Amino acid sequence: MEADSSVGVSKILAVAACTGMSLTYVGLLYAPRYILRLPPPVSFNEYMLRRFSSVAVSSIISLFMATLLLLPVWDSGKTHITSFLSAYGLKTDHLWQAVFFPLILTALLYLGPLMTAAVDVIGKQKQEQLLCAHGALGIVYSAYRELLYGIYGAVSMRSDVLAWRNYVVAPLTEELVFRACMIPLLLCGGFKPYSIVFLCPLFFSLAHLNHFWELYYQKNYGICRAAASVGLQLGYTVIFGWYASFLFIRTGHLVAPIMAHIFCNIMGLPSLSCIQRGKATTMAFLAGIAGFFLMLAPVTNPVLYNDNITSCKCWQGFCKFKSEL
């Protein structure tokens, strides 16, 4: 499908809309207190549930805003819902590739820490085997214990509001707003893909500036301490934003950056402590970094995730709807 040049948005309008989405995402977090004037939450869980509701509303607003500016669906009576959703990377074709390939690629960055964890687990198993009369019994015991821990962790997550925030709500809403809504809009505004990879994370960082206000006014941090804390977080979000934007543009699947986001939230910042644990973990760390950059382009090749690649500016083919859709 070729782009219809008669339909589109200007760069200024695209940037303004993305800025509005970012500010809306942050601003609605404070709506229950400052706009709705609700009484203070009686528990931390209630506080987090209010925030979950706020980001859900802001995500819907962003989708509505992007739809009005990006997709002239109202001009086409034959627009299919699948085509409409695909504009935001919400599609089911090549789903397993979009889930596993970015996940494996992201795991390469953590190969050193993962190797360190594996060494620790093996070391614990060896110690437990010495406590048993037979080595096989020790292995079975260790596997049984790890299985119980895994089940307990999965069950306890149902009531762990922070786990829901880190592994469900934040990855879904942030990737939906800052990738699925913004990137197609910027593409249709005429920005080049490589420019968007570096531009889009700036909006993502803008949504984290509220943390400075919280640290400075609510937790009584000094200016320097609050700025240093927020600066470190902004640096990490910018780097991750580059990667997530690259994944979305290359694959056209929203699930790709979502899986990377969840994995990074689970693992945290990549630790360099593994290089102090020995040659094996150091080599794993270096091999993972090298493997990530070597495999970045091949593993995210659009051909792996789509049946048809067009010459449209938004290569997914949905930056400009045509009447025949």
C-alpha atoms as a PDB file:
ATOM      1  CA  MET A   1       0.000   0.000   0.000  1.00  0.00           C
ATOM      2  CA  GLU A   2       1.374   3.385  -0.947  1.00  0.00           C
ATOM      3  CA  ALA A   3       1.054   6.418   1.244  1.00  0.00           C
ATOM      4  CA  ASP A   4      -1.634   8.926   0.450  1.00  0.00           C
ATOM      5  CA  SER A   5       0.093  12.292   0.598  1.00  0.00           C
ATOM      6  CA  SER A   6      -3.196  14.119   0.961  1.00  0.00           C
ATOM      7  CA  VAL A   7      -3.614  12.816   4.477  1.00  0.00           C
ATOM      8  CA  GLY A   8      -1.233  13.428   7.316  1.00  0.00           C
ATOM      9  CA  VAL A   9      -0.139  15.699  10.133  1.00  0.00           C
ATOM     10  CA  SER A  10       2.606  18.285  10.415  1.00  0.00           C
ATOM     11  CA  LYS A  11       5.744  17.716  12.458  1.00  0.00           C
ATOM     12  CA  ILE A  12       4.763  20.468  14.869  1.00  0.00           C
ATOM     13  CA  LEU A  13       1.336  18.950  15.436  1.00  0.00           C
ATOM     14  CA  ALA A  14       2.818  15.478  15.913  1.00  0.00           C
ATOM     15  CA  VAL A  15       5.320  16.757  18.501  1.00  0.00           C
ATOM     16  CA  ALA A  16       2.610  18.790  20.264  1.00  0.00           C
ATOM     17  CA  ALA A  17       0.332  15.770  20.417  1.00  0.00           C
ATOM     18  CA  CYS A  18       3.107  13.558  21.814  1.00  0.00           C
ATOM     19  CA  THR A  19       3.939  16.208  24.410  1.00  0.00           C
ATOM     20  CA  GLY A  20       0.275  16.352  25.355  1.00  0.00           C
ATOM     21  CA  MET A  21       0.132  12.565  25.738  1.00  0.00           C
ATOM     22  CA  SER A  22       3.195  12.606  27.970  1.00  0.00           C
ATOM     23  CA  LEU A  23       1.871  15.380  30.193  1.00  0.00           C
ATOM     24  CA  THR A  24      -1.539  13.701  30.357  1.00  0.00           C
ATOM     25  CA  TYR A  25       0.052  10.426  31.433  1.00  0.00           C
ATOM     26  CA  VAL A  26       1.786  12.198  34.325  1.00  0.00           C
ATOM     27  CA  GLY A  27      -0.888  14.733  35.149  1.00  0.00           C
ATOM     28  CA  LEU A  28      -3.688  12.228  35.628  1.00  0.00           C
ATOM     29  CA  LEU A  29      -1.625  10.456  38.288  1.00  0.00           C
ATOM     30  CA  TYR A  30      -2.405  13.443  40.514  1.00  0.00           C
ATOM     31  CA  ALA A  31      -6.011  13.848  39.388  1.00  0.00           C
ATOM     32  CA  PRO A  32      -7.577  11.895  42.286  1.00  0.00           C
ATOM     33  CA  ARG A  33      -5.994  14.255  44.804  1.00  0.00           C
ATOM     34  CA  TYR A  34      -5.884  17.652  43.107  1.00  0.00           C
ATOM     35  CA  ILE A  35      -8.776  17.489  40.614  1.00  0.00           C
ATOM     36  CA  LEU A  36     -11.282  14.998  42.001  1.00  0.00           C
ATOM     37  CA  ARG A  37     -10.417  16.025  45.581  1.00  0.00           C
ATOM     38  CA  LEU A  38     -10.738  12.469  46.826  1.00  0.00           C
ATOM     39  CA  PRO A  39      -9.817  11.792  50.454  1.00  0.00           C
ATOM     40  CA  PRO A  40      -6.304  10.426  51.053  1.00  0.00           C
ATOM     41  CA  PRO A  41      -6.036   6.673  50.388  1.00  0.00           C
ATOM     42  CA  VAL A  42      -6.323   4.546  53.483  1.00  0.00           C
ATOM     43  CA  SER A  43      -3.684   2.063  52.325  1.00  0.00           C
ATOM     44  CA  PHE A  44      -0.802   1.737  49.899  1.00  0.00           C
ATOM     45  CA  ASN A  45      -2.831  -0.708  47.816  1.00  0.00           C
ATOM     46  CA  GLU A  46      -5.618   1.842  47.414  1.00  0.00           C
ATOM     47  CA  TYR A  47      -3.040   4.475  46.454  1.00  0.00           C
ATOM     48  CA  MET A  48      -1.628   2.216  43.740  1.00  0.00           C
ATOM     49  CA  LEU A  49      -5.062   1.213  42.478  1.00  0.00           C
ATOM     50  CA  ARG A  50      -5.877   4.890  41.984  1.00  0.00           C
ATOM     51  CA  ARG A  51      -2.703   5.253  39.951  1.00  0.00           C
ATOM     52  CA  PHE A  52      -3.596   2.194  37.887  1.00  0.00           C
ATOM     53  CA  SER A  53      -6.966   3.784  37.100  1.00  0.00           C
ATOM     54  CA  SER A  54      -5.286   7.068  36.172  1.00  0.00           C
ATOM     55  CA  VAL A  55      -2.845   5.539  33.684  1.00  0.00           C
ATOM     56  CA  ALA A  56      -5.642   3.463  32.181  1.00  0.00           C
ATOM     57  CA  VAL A  57      -7.647   6.629  31.513  1.00  0.00           C
ATOM     58  CA  SER A  58      -4.604   8.449  30.108  1.00  0.00           C
ATOM     59  CA  SER A  59      -3.902   5.504  27.800  1.00  0.00           C
ATOM     60  CA  ILE A  60      -7.440   5.663  26.429  1.00  0.00           C
ATOM     61  CA  ILE A  61      -7.098   9.424  25.913  1.00  0.00           C
ATOM     62  CA  SER A  62      -3.812   8.916  24.047  1.00  0.00           C
ATOM     63  CA  LEU A  63      -5.367   6.290  21.810  1.00  0.00           C
ATOM     64  CA  PHE A  64      -8.271   8.616  21.053  1.00  0.00           C
ATOM     65  CA  MET A  65      -5.927  11.544  20.377  1.00  0.00           C
ATOM     66  CA  ALA A  66      -3.668   9.492  18.121  1.00  0.00           C
ATOM     67  CA  THR A  67      -6.656   8.092  16.244  1.00  0.00           C
ATOM     68  CA  LEU A  68      -8.052  11.534  15.480  1.00  0.00           C
ATOM     69  CA  LEU A  69      -4.700  12.863  14.231  1.00  0.00           C
ATOM     70  CA  LEU A  70      -3.151   9.747  12.725  1.00  0.00           C
ATOM     71  CA  LEU A  71      -5.836   7.640  11.157  1.00  0.00           C
ATOM     72  CA  PRO A  72      -8.612   9.150   9.034  1.00  0.00           C
ATOM     73  CA  VAL A  73     -10.814   6.186   9.852  1.00  0.00           C
ATOM     74  CA  TRP A  74     -13.902   8.355   9.790  1.00  0.00           C
ATOM     75  CA  ASP A  75     -13.337   8.968   6.057  1.00  0.00           C
ATOM     76  CA  SER A  76     -13.332   5.307   5.210  1.00  0.00           C
ATOM     77  CA  GLY A  77     -16.409   3.186   5.628  1.00  0.00           C
ATOM     78  CA  LYS A  78     -14.490  -0.009   4.865  1.00  0.00           C
ATOM     79  CA  THR A  79     -11.819   0.161   7.532  1.00  0.00           C
ATOM     80  CA  HIS A  80     -11.325  -3.233   9.171  1.00  0.00           C
ATOM     81  CA  ILE A  81     -10.788  -3.413  12.910  1.00  0.00           C
ATOM     82  CA  THR A  82      -7.711  -5.600  12.386  1.00  0.00           C
ATOM     83  CA  SER A  83      -6.145  -2.969  10.149  1.00  0.00           C
ATOM     84  CA  PHE A  84      -6.998  -0.284  12.668  1.00  0.00           C
ATOM     85  CA  LEU A  85      -5.401  -2.194  15.555  1.00  0.00           C
ATOM     86  CA  SER A  86      -2.344  -3.049  13.489  1.00  0.00           C
ATOM     87  CA  ALA A  87      -1.568   0.647  13.215  1.00  0.00           C
ATOM     88  CA  TYR A  88      -0.780   0.477  16.929  1.00  0.00           C
ATOM     89  CA  GLY A  89       1.140  -2.777  16.703  1.00  0.00           C
ATOM     90  CA  LEU A  90      -1.782  -4.766  18.098  1.00  0.00           C
ATOM     91  CA  LYS A  91      -1.825  -7.839  15.884  1.00  0.00           C
ATOM     92  CA  THR A  92      -1.629 -11.604  16.182  1.00  0.00           C
ATOM     93  CA  ASP A  93       0.328 -12.610  13.095  1.00  0.00           C
ATOM     94  CA  HIS A  94       3.934 -13.651  13.780  1.00  0.00           C
ATOM     95  CA  LEU A  95       3.137 -13.316  17.463  1.00  0.00           C
ATOM     96  CA  TRP A  96       5.551 -15.957  18.719  1.00  0.00           C
ATOM     97  CA  GLN A  97       8.426 -14.247  16.903  1.00  0.00           C
ATOM     98  CA  ALA A  98       7.457 -10.921  18.481  1.00  0.00           C
ATOM     99  CA  VAL A  99       7.417 -12.529  21.934  1.00  0.00           C
ATOM    100  CA  PHE A 100      10.524 -14.720  21.930  1.00  0.00           C
ATOM    101  CA  PHE A 101      13.014 -13.041  19.595  1.00  0.00           C
ATOM    102  CA  PRO A 102      13.111  -9.667  21.433  1.00  0.00           C
ATOM    103  CA  LEU A 103      13.090 -11.529  24.754  1.00  0.00           C
ATOM    104  CA  ILE A 104      16.147 -13.579  23.786  1.00  0.00           C
ATOM    105  CA  LEU A 105      17.845 -10.497  22.372  1.00  0.00           C
ATOM    106  CA  THR A 106      17.274  -8.558  25.594  1.00  0.00           C
ATOM    107  CA  ALA A 107      18.492 -11.489  27.686  1.00  0.00           C
ATOM    108  CA  LEU A 108      21.883 -11.228  25.975  1.00  0.00           C
ATOM    109  CA  LEU A 109      22.434  -7.934  27.789  1.00  0.00           C
ATOM    110  CA  TYR A 110      22.009  -9.805  31.065  1.00  0.00           C
ATOM    111  CA  LEU A 111      24.046 -12.883  30.152  1.00  0.00           C
ATOM    112  CA  GLY A 112      26.666 -12.034  32.778  1.00  0.00           C
ATOM    113  CA  PRO A 113      24.178 -11.611  35.668  1.00  0.00           C
ATOM    114  CA  LEU A 114      22.237 -14.682  34.490  1.00  0.00           C
ATOM    115  CA  MET A 115      25.456 -16.702  34.458  1.00  0.00           C
ATOM    116  CA  THR A 116      26.246 -15.475  37.981  1.00  0.00           C
ATOM    117  CA  ALA A 117      22.791 -16.538  39.179  1.00  0.00           C
ATOM    118  CA  ALA A 118      23.224 -19.956  37.569  1.00  0.00           C
ATOM    119  CA  VAL A 119      26.588 -20.420  39.285  1.00  0.00           C
ATOM    120  CA  ASP A 120      25.014 -19.530  42.619  1.00  0.00           C
ATOM    121  CA  VAL A 121      22.161 -21.990  42.109  1.00  0.00           C
ATOM    122  CA  ILE A 122      24.564 -24.781  41.159  1.00  0.00           C
ATOM    123  CA  GLY A 123      26.657 -23.997  44.212  1.00  0.00           C
ATOM    124  CA  LYS A 124      23.616 -24.245  46.498  1.00  0.00           C
ATOM    125  CA  GLN A 125      22.589 -27.520  44.908  1.00  0.00           C
ATOM    126  CA  LYS A 126      26.023 -28.991  45.543  1.00  0.00           C
ATOM    127  CA  GLN A 127      25.827 -28.002  49.185  1.00  0.00           C
ATOM    128  CA  GLU A 128      22.402 -29.590  49.521  1.00  0.00           C
ATOM    129  CA  GLN A 129      23.597 -32.766  47.830  1.00  0.00           C
ATOM    130  CA  LEU A 130      26.245 -33.162  50.550  1.00  0.00           C
ATOM    131  CA  LEU A 131      23.463 -33.184  53.130  1.00  0.00           C
ATOM    132  CA  CYS A 132      21.742 -36.111  51.416  1.00  0.00           C
ATOM    133  CA  ALA A 133      22.785 -39.734  51.297  1.00  0.00           C
ATOM    134  CA  HIS A 134      22.509 -39.787  47.497  1.00  0.00           C
ATOM    135  CA  GLY A 135      23.322 -37.048  45.004  1.00  0.00           C
ATOM    136  CA  ALA A 136      20.187 -37.770  42.981  1.00  0.00           C
ATOM    137  CA  LEU A 137      18.028 -37.230  46.042  1.00  0.00           C
ATOM    138  CA  GLY A 138      19.703 -33.856  46.601  1.00  0.00           C
ATOM    139  CA  ILE A 139      18.962 -32.795  43.041  1.00  0.00           C
ATOM    140  CA  VAL A 140      15.306 -33.846  43.367  1.00  0.00           C
ATOM    141  CA  TYR A 141      15.039 -32.006  46.655  1.00  0.00           C
ATOM    142  CA  SER A 142      16.542 -28.837  45.158  1.00  0.00           C
ATOM    143  CA  ALA A 143      14.261 -28.974  42.116  1.00  0.00           C
ATOM    144  CA  TYR A 144      11.228 -29.532  44.356  1.00  0.00           C
ATOM    145  CA  ARG A 145      12.159 -26.574  46.554  1.00  0.00           C
ATOM    146  CA  GLU A 146      12.738 -24.278  43.570  1.00  0.00           C
ATOM    147  CA  LEU A 147       9.380 -25.333  42.115  1.00  0.00           C
ATOM    148  CA  LEU A 148       7.618 -24.509  45.378  1.00  0.00           C
ATOM    149  CA  TYR A 149       9.337 -21.120  45.486  1.00  0.00           C
ATOM    150  CA  GLY A 150       8.247 -20.449  41.910  1.00  0.00           C
ATOM    151  CA  ILE A 151       4.630 -21.370  42.611  1.00  0.00           C
ATOM    152  CA  TYR A 152       4.624 -19.316  45.794  1.00  0.00           C
ATOM    153  CA  GLY A 153       6.047 -16.323  43.920  1.00  0.00           C
ATOM    154  CA  ALA A 154       3.442 -16.587  41.164  1.00  0.00           C
ATOM    155  CA  VAL A 155       0.579 -16.879  43.662  1.00  0.00           C
ATOM    156  CA  SER A 156       1.836 -14.075  45.888  1.00  0.00           C
ATOM    157  CA  MET A 157       2.107 -11.757  42.876  1.00  0.00           C
ATOM    158  CA  ARG A 158      -1.691 -11.740  42.695  1.00  0.00           C
ATOM    159  CA  SER A 159      -1.766  -9.686  45.880  1.00  0.00           C
ATOM    160  CA  ASP A 160       1.503  -7.795  45.332  1.00  0.00           C
ATOM    161  CA  VAL A 161       0.492  -4.418  43.990  1.00  0.00           C
ATOM    162  CA  LEU A 162       4.105  -3.453  43.212  1.00  0.00           C
ATOM    163  CA  ALA A 163       4.527  -6.583  41.120  1.00  0.00           C
ATOM    164  CA  TRP A 164       1.410  -5.668  39.168  1.00  0.00           C
ATOM    165  CA  ARG A 165       2.807  -2.175  38.624  1.00  0.00           C
ATOM    166  CA  ASN A 166       6.272  -3.314  37.513  1.00  0.00           C
ATOM    167  CA  TYR A 167       5.356  -6.335  35.438  1.00  0.00           C
ATOM    168  CA  VAL A 168       1.879  -5.599  34.096  1.00  0.00           C
ATOM    169  CA  VAL A 169       0.502  -2.065  34.350  1.00  0.00           C
ATOM    170  CA  ALA A 170       3.655  -0.034  33.676  1.00  0.00           C
ATOM    171  CA  PRO A 171       4.893  -2.092  30.693  1.00  0.00           C
ATOM    172  CA  LEU A 172       1.455  -2.212  29.070  1.00  0.00           C
ATOM    173  CA  THR A 173       0.435   1.411  29.502  1.00  0.00           C
ATOM    174  CA  GLU A 174       3.861   2.981  28.923  1.00  0.00           C
ATOM    175  CA  GLU A 175       4.510   1.020  25.747  1.00  0.00           C
ATOM    176  CA  LEU A 176       0.980   1.664  24.511  1.00  0.00           C
ATOM    177  CA  VAL A 177       1.263   5.429  24.998  1.00  0.00           C
ATOM    178  CA  PHE A 178       4.946   6.115  24.338  1.00  0.00           C
ATOM    179  CA  ARG A 179       5.458   3.625  21.541  1.00  0.00           C
ATOM    180  CA  ALA A 180       2.171   2.521  19.956  1.00  0.00           C
ATOM    181  CA  CYS A 181       0.499   5.939  19.982  1.00  0.00           C
ATOM    182  CA  MET A 182       3.488   8.230  19.485  1.00  0.00           C
ATOM    183  CA  ILE A 183       5.695   6.448  16.961  1.00  0.00           C
ATOM    184  CA  PRO A 184       3.115   6.020  14.167  1.00  0.00           C
ATOM    185  CA  LEU A 185       2.041   9.614  14.728  1.00  0.00           C
ATOM    186  CA  LEU A 186       5.628  10.869  14.411  1.00  0.00           C
ATOM    187  CA  LEU A 187       6.160   8.710  11.333  1.00  0.00           C
ATOM    188  CA  CYS A 188       3.071  10.177   9.724  1.00  0.00           C
ATOM    189  CA  GLY A 189       4.304  13.622  10.679  1.00  0.00           C
ATOM    190  CA  GLY A 190       7.294  13.094   8.418  1.00  0.00           C
ATOM    191  CA  PHE A 191      10.016  12.177  10.912  1.00  0.00           C
ATOM    192  CA  LYS A 192      12.536   9.591   9.791  1.00  0.00           C
ATOM    193  CA  PRO A 193      12.604   6.311  11.733  1.00  0.00           C
ATOM    194  CA  TYR A 194      16.152   6.845  13.025  1.00  0.00           C
ATOM    195  CA  SER A 195      15.157  10.309  14.254  1.00  0.00           C
ATOM    196  CA  ILE A 196      12.158   8.868  16.090  1.00  0.00           C
ATOM    197  CA  VAL A 197      14.324   6.293  17.853  1.00  0.00           C
ATOM    198  CA  PHE A 198      16.151   9.166  19.560  1.00  0.00           C
ATOM    199  CA  LEU A 199      13.221  11.594  19.792  1.00  0.00           C
ATOM    200  CA  CYS A 200      10.524   9.378  21.288  1.00  0.00           C
ATOM    201  CA  PRO A 201      12.426   8.590  24.526  1.00  0.00           C
ATOM    202  CA  LEU A 202      12.493  12.320  25.308  1.00  0.00           C
ATOM    203  CA  PHE A 203       8.726  12.210  25.764  1.00  0.00           C
ATOM    204  CA  PHE A 204       9.164   9.068  27.854  1.00  0.00           C
ATOM    205  CA  SER A 205      11.644  10.902  30.078  1.00  0.00           C
ATOM    206  CA  LEU A 206       9.322  13.888  30.355  1.00  0.00           C
ATOM    207  CA  ALA A 207       6.810  11.578  32.003  1.00  0.00           C
ATOM    208  CA  HIS A 208       9.326  10.779  34.748  1.00  0.00           C
ATOM    209  CA  LEU A 209      10.166  14.327  35.786  1.00  0.00           C
ATOM    210  CA  ASN A 210       7.391  14.174  38.365  1.00  0.00           C
ATOM    211  CA  HIS A 211       9.677  11.955  40.427  1.00  0.00           C
ATOM    212  CA  PHE A 212      11.832  15.000  41.184  1.00  0.00           C
ATOM    213  CA  TRP A 213       8.816  16.765  42.658  1.00  0.00           C
ATOM    214  CA  GLU A 214       7.948  13.705  44.739  1.00  0.00           C
ATOM    215  CA  LEU A 215      11.502  13.292  46.042  1.00  0.00           C
ATOM    216  CA  TYR A 216      12.029  16.984  46.770  1.00  0.00           C
ATOM    217  CA  TYR A 217       8.667  17.959  48.258  1.00  0.00           C
ATOM    218  CA  GLN A 218       7.269  14.713  49.620  1.00  0.00           C
ATOM    219  CA  LYS A 219      10.396  12.864  50.775  1.00  0.00           C
ATOM    220  CA  ASN A 220      12.414  15.989  51.637  1.00  0.00           C
ATOM    221  CA  TYR A 221      15.397  15.121  49.463  1.00  0.00           C
ATOM    222  CA  GLY A 222      17.912  17.896  48.855  1.00  0.00           C
ATOM    223  CA  ILE A 223      17.990  19.401  45.379  1.00  0.00           C
ATOM    224  CA  CYS A 224      21.292  17.754  44.469  1.00  0.00           C
ATOM    225  CA  ARG A 225      20.263  14.362  45.801  1.00  0.00           C
ATOM    226  CA  ALA A 226      16.876  14.494  44.091  1.00  0.00           C
ATOM    227  CA  ALA A 227      18.445  15.676  40.816  1.00  0.00           C
ATOM    228  CA  ALA A 228      21.069  12.908  40.940  1.00  0.00           C
ATOM    229  CA  SER A 229      18.460  10.246  41.638  1.00  0.00           C
ATOM    230  CA  VAL A 230      16.113  11.424  38.907  1.00  0.00           C
ATOM    231  CA  GLY A 231      19.021  11.987  36.503  1.00  0.00           C
ATOM    232  CA  LEU A 232      20.122   8.374  36.846  1.00  0.00           C
ATOM    233  CA  GLN A 233      16.588   7.189  36.245  1.00  0.00           C
ATOM    234  CA  LEU A 234      16.161   9.479  33.234  1.00  0.00           C
ATOM    235  CA  GLY A 235      19.422   8.208  31.751  1.00  0.00           C
ATOM    236  CA  TYR A 236      18.222   4.632  32.064  1.00  0.00           C
ATOM    237  CA  THR A 237      14.774   5.431  30.640  1.00  0.00           C
ATOM    238  CA  VAL A 238      16.306   7.234  27.663  1.00  0.00           C
ATOM    239  CA  ILE A 239      18.572   4.290  26.825  1.00  0.00           C
ATOM    240  CA  PHE A 240      15.742   1.821  27.225  1.00  0.00           C
ATOM    241  CA  GLY A 241      13.480   4.134  25.215  1.00  0.00           C
ATOM    242  CA  TRP A 242      15.925   4.010  22.304  1.00  0.00           C
ATOM    243  CA  TYR A 243      15.827   0.241  22.391  1.00  0.00           C
ATOM    244  CA  ALA A 244      12.048  -0.055  22.800  1.00  0.00           C
ATOM    245  CA  SER A 245      11.403   2.440  19.992  1.00  0.00           C
ATOM    246  CA  PHE A 246      13.806   0.539  17.742  1.00  0.00           C
ATOM    247  CA  LEU A 247      11.985  -2.724  18.506  1.00  0.00           C
ATOM    248  CA  PHE A 248       8.572  -1.259  17.721  1.00  0.00           C
ATOM    249  CA  ILE A 249       9.636   0.391  14.474  1.00  0.00           C
ATOM    250  CA  ARG A 250      11.483  -2.690  13.258  1.00  0.00           C
ATOM    251  CA  THR A 251       8.944  -5.343  14.241  1.00  0.00           C
ATOM    252  CA  GLY A 252       5.644  -3.455  14.054  1.00  0.00           C
ATOM    253  CA  HIS A 253       4.520  -5.439  17.110  1.00  0.00           C
ATOM    254  CA  LEU A 254       3.696  -3.735  20.393  1.00  0.00           C
ATOM    255  CA  VAL A 255       4.326  -6.983  22.240  1.00  0.00           C
ATOM    256  CA  ALA A 256       8.032  -6.799  21.331  1.00  0.00           C
ATOM    257  CA  PRO A 257       8.875  -3.728  23.476  1.00  0.00           C
ATOM    258  CA  ILE A 258       6.414  -4.912  26.136  1.00  0.00           C
ATOM    259  CA  MET A 259       8.329  -8.173  26.591  1.00  0.00           C
ATOM    260  CA  ALA A 260      11.635  -6.296  26.713  1.00  0.00           C
ATOM    261  CA  HIS A 261      10.159  -3.870  29.255  1.00  0.00           C
ATOM    262  CA  ILE A 262       8.926  -6.663  31.533  1.00  0.00           C
ATOM    263  CA  PHE A 263      12.242  -8.504  31.351  1.00  0.00           C
ATOM    264  CA  CYS A 264      14.227  -5.354  32.178  1.00  0.00           C
ATOM    265  CA  ASN A 265      11.921  -4.585  35.094  1.00  0.00           C
ATOM    266  CA  ILE A 266      12.474  -8.081  36.448  1.00  0.00           C
ATOM    267  CA  MET A 267      16.236  -7.927  36.080  1.00  0.00           C
ATOM    268  CA  GLY A 268      16.786  -4.274  37.005  1.00  0.00           C
ATOM    269  CA  LEU A 269      19.839  -2.337  35.886  1.00  0.00           C
ATOM    270  CA  PRO A 270      22.523  -4.603  34.371  1.00  0.00           C
ATOM    271  CA  SER A 271      25.057  -5.241  37.124  1.00  0.00           C
ATOM    272  CA  LEU A 272      28.819  -5.234  36.562  1.00  0.00           C
ATOM    273  CA  SER A 273      29.427  -7.317  39.670  1.00  0.00           C
ATOM    274  CA  CYS A 274      29.575 -10.453  37.532  1.00  0.00           C
ATOM    275  CA  ILE A 275      33.008  -9.442  36.230  1.00  0.00           C
ATOM    276  CA  GLN A 276      34.320  -9.841  39.774  1.00  0.00           C
ATOM    277  CA  ARG A 277      33.077 -13.427  40.110  1.00  0.00           C
ATOM    278  CA  GLY A 278      35.559 -15.121  37.827  1.00  0.00           C
ATOM    279  CA  LYS A 279      36.538 -15.694  34.226  1.00  0.00           C
ATOM    280  CA  ALA A 280      33.392 -17.623  33.284  1.00  0.00           C
ATOM    281  CA  THR A 281      30.980 -14.888  34.343  1.00  0.00           C
ATOM    282  CA  THR A 282      33.206 -12.187  32.868  1.00  0.00           C
ATOM    283  CA  MET A 283      33.335 -13.982  29.514  1.00  0.00           C
ATOM    284  CA  ALA A 284      29.560 -14.458  29.638  1.00  0.00           C
ATOM    285  CA  PHE A 285      29.090 -10.739  30.271  1.00  0.00           C
ATOM    286  CA  LEU A 286      31.351  -9.732  27.359  1.00  0.00           C
ATOM    287  CA  ALA A 287      29.856 -12.370  25.051  1.00  0.00           C
ATOM    288  CA  GLY A 288      26.352 -11.167  25.874  1.00  0.00           C
ATOM    289  CA  ILE A 289      27.149  -7.533  25.080  1.00  0.00           C
ATOM    290  CA  ALA A 290      28.881  -8.476  21.826  1.00  0.00           C
ATOM    291  CA  GLY A 291      26.096 -10.888  20.872  1.00  0.00           C
ATOM    292  CA  PHE A 292      23.438  -8.240  21.506  1.00  0.00           C
ATOM    293  CA  PHE A 293      24.958  -5.747  19.082  1.00  0.00           C
ATOM    294  CA  LEU A 294      25.762  -8.416  16.504  1.00  0.00           C
ATOM    295  CA  MET A 295      22.234  -9.835  16.566  1.00  0.00           C
ATOM    296  CA  LEU A 296      20.344  -6.546  16.974  1.00  0.00           C
ATOM    297  CA  ALA A 297      19.706  -5.966  13.271  1.00  0.00           C
ATOM    298  CA  PRO A 298      19.199  -9.601  12.129  1.00  0.00           C
ATOM    299  CA  VAL A 299      16.835 -10.533  14.976  1.00  0.00           C
ATOM    300  CA  THR A 300      14.687  -7.426  14.436  1.00  0.00           C
ATOM    301  CA  ASN A 301      14.502  -7.746  10.666  1.00  0.00           C
ATOM    302  CA  PRO A 302      10.945  -6.677   9.674  1.00  0.00           C
ATOM    303  CA  VAL A 303      10.664  -9.669   7.345  1.00  0.00           C
ATOM    304  CA  LEU A 304      10.603 -11.969  10.386  1.00  0.00           C
ATOM    305  CA  TYR A 305       7.520 -10.266  11.786  1.00  0.00           C
ATOM    306  CA  ASN A 306       5.428  -9.310   8.745  1.00  0.00           C
ATOM    307  CA  ASP A 307       4.203 -10.883   5.548  1.00  0.00           C
ATOM    308  CA  ASN A 308       4.358  -7.711   3.450  1.00  0.00           C
ATOM    309  CA  ILE A 309       6.727  -4.765   3.756  1.00  0.00           C
ATOM    310  CA  THR A 310       5.599  -1.698   1.823  1.00  0.00           C
ATOM    311  CA  SER A 311       7.256   1.554   0.857  1.00  0.00           C
ATOM    312  CA  CYS A 312       4.923   3.560   3.090  1.00  0.00           C
ATOM    313  CA  LYS A 313       6.626   6.040   5.436  1.00  0.00           C
ATOM    314  CA  CYS A 314       5.151   4.115   8.320  1.00  0.00           C
ATOM    315  CA  TRP A 315       6.431   0.800   7.008  1.00  0.00           C
ATOM    316  CA  GLN A 316       3.680  -1.158   8.747  1.00  0.00           C
ATOM    317  CA  GLY A 317       1.493   0.269   5.986  1.00  0.00           C
ATOM    318  CA  PHE A 318      -1.028   2.074   8.136  1.00  0.00           C
ATOM    319  CA  CYS A 319       0.262   5.603   8.437  1.00  0.00           C
ATOM    320  CA  LYS A 320      -2.258   6.744   5.856  1.00  0.00           C
ATOM    321  CA  PHE A 321      -5.490   4.866   5.366  1.00  0.00           C
ATOM    322  CA  LYS A 322      -6.849   4.502   1.843  1.00  0.00           C
ATOM    323  CA  SER A 323     -10.473   4.105   0.859  1.00  0.00           C
ATOM    324  CA  GLU A 324     -10.053   0.509  -0.304  1.00  0.00           C
ATOM    325  CA  LEU A 325      -9.184  -0.720   3.209  1.00  0.00           C
END
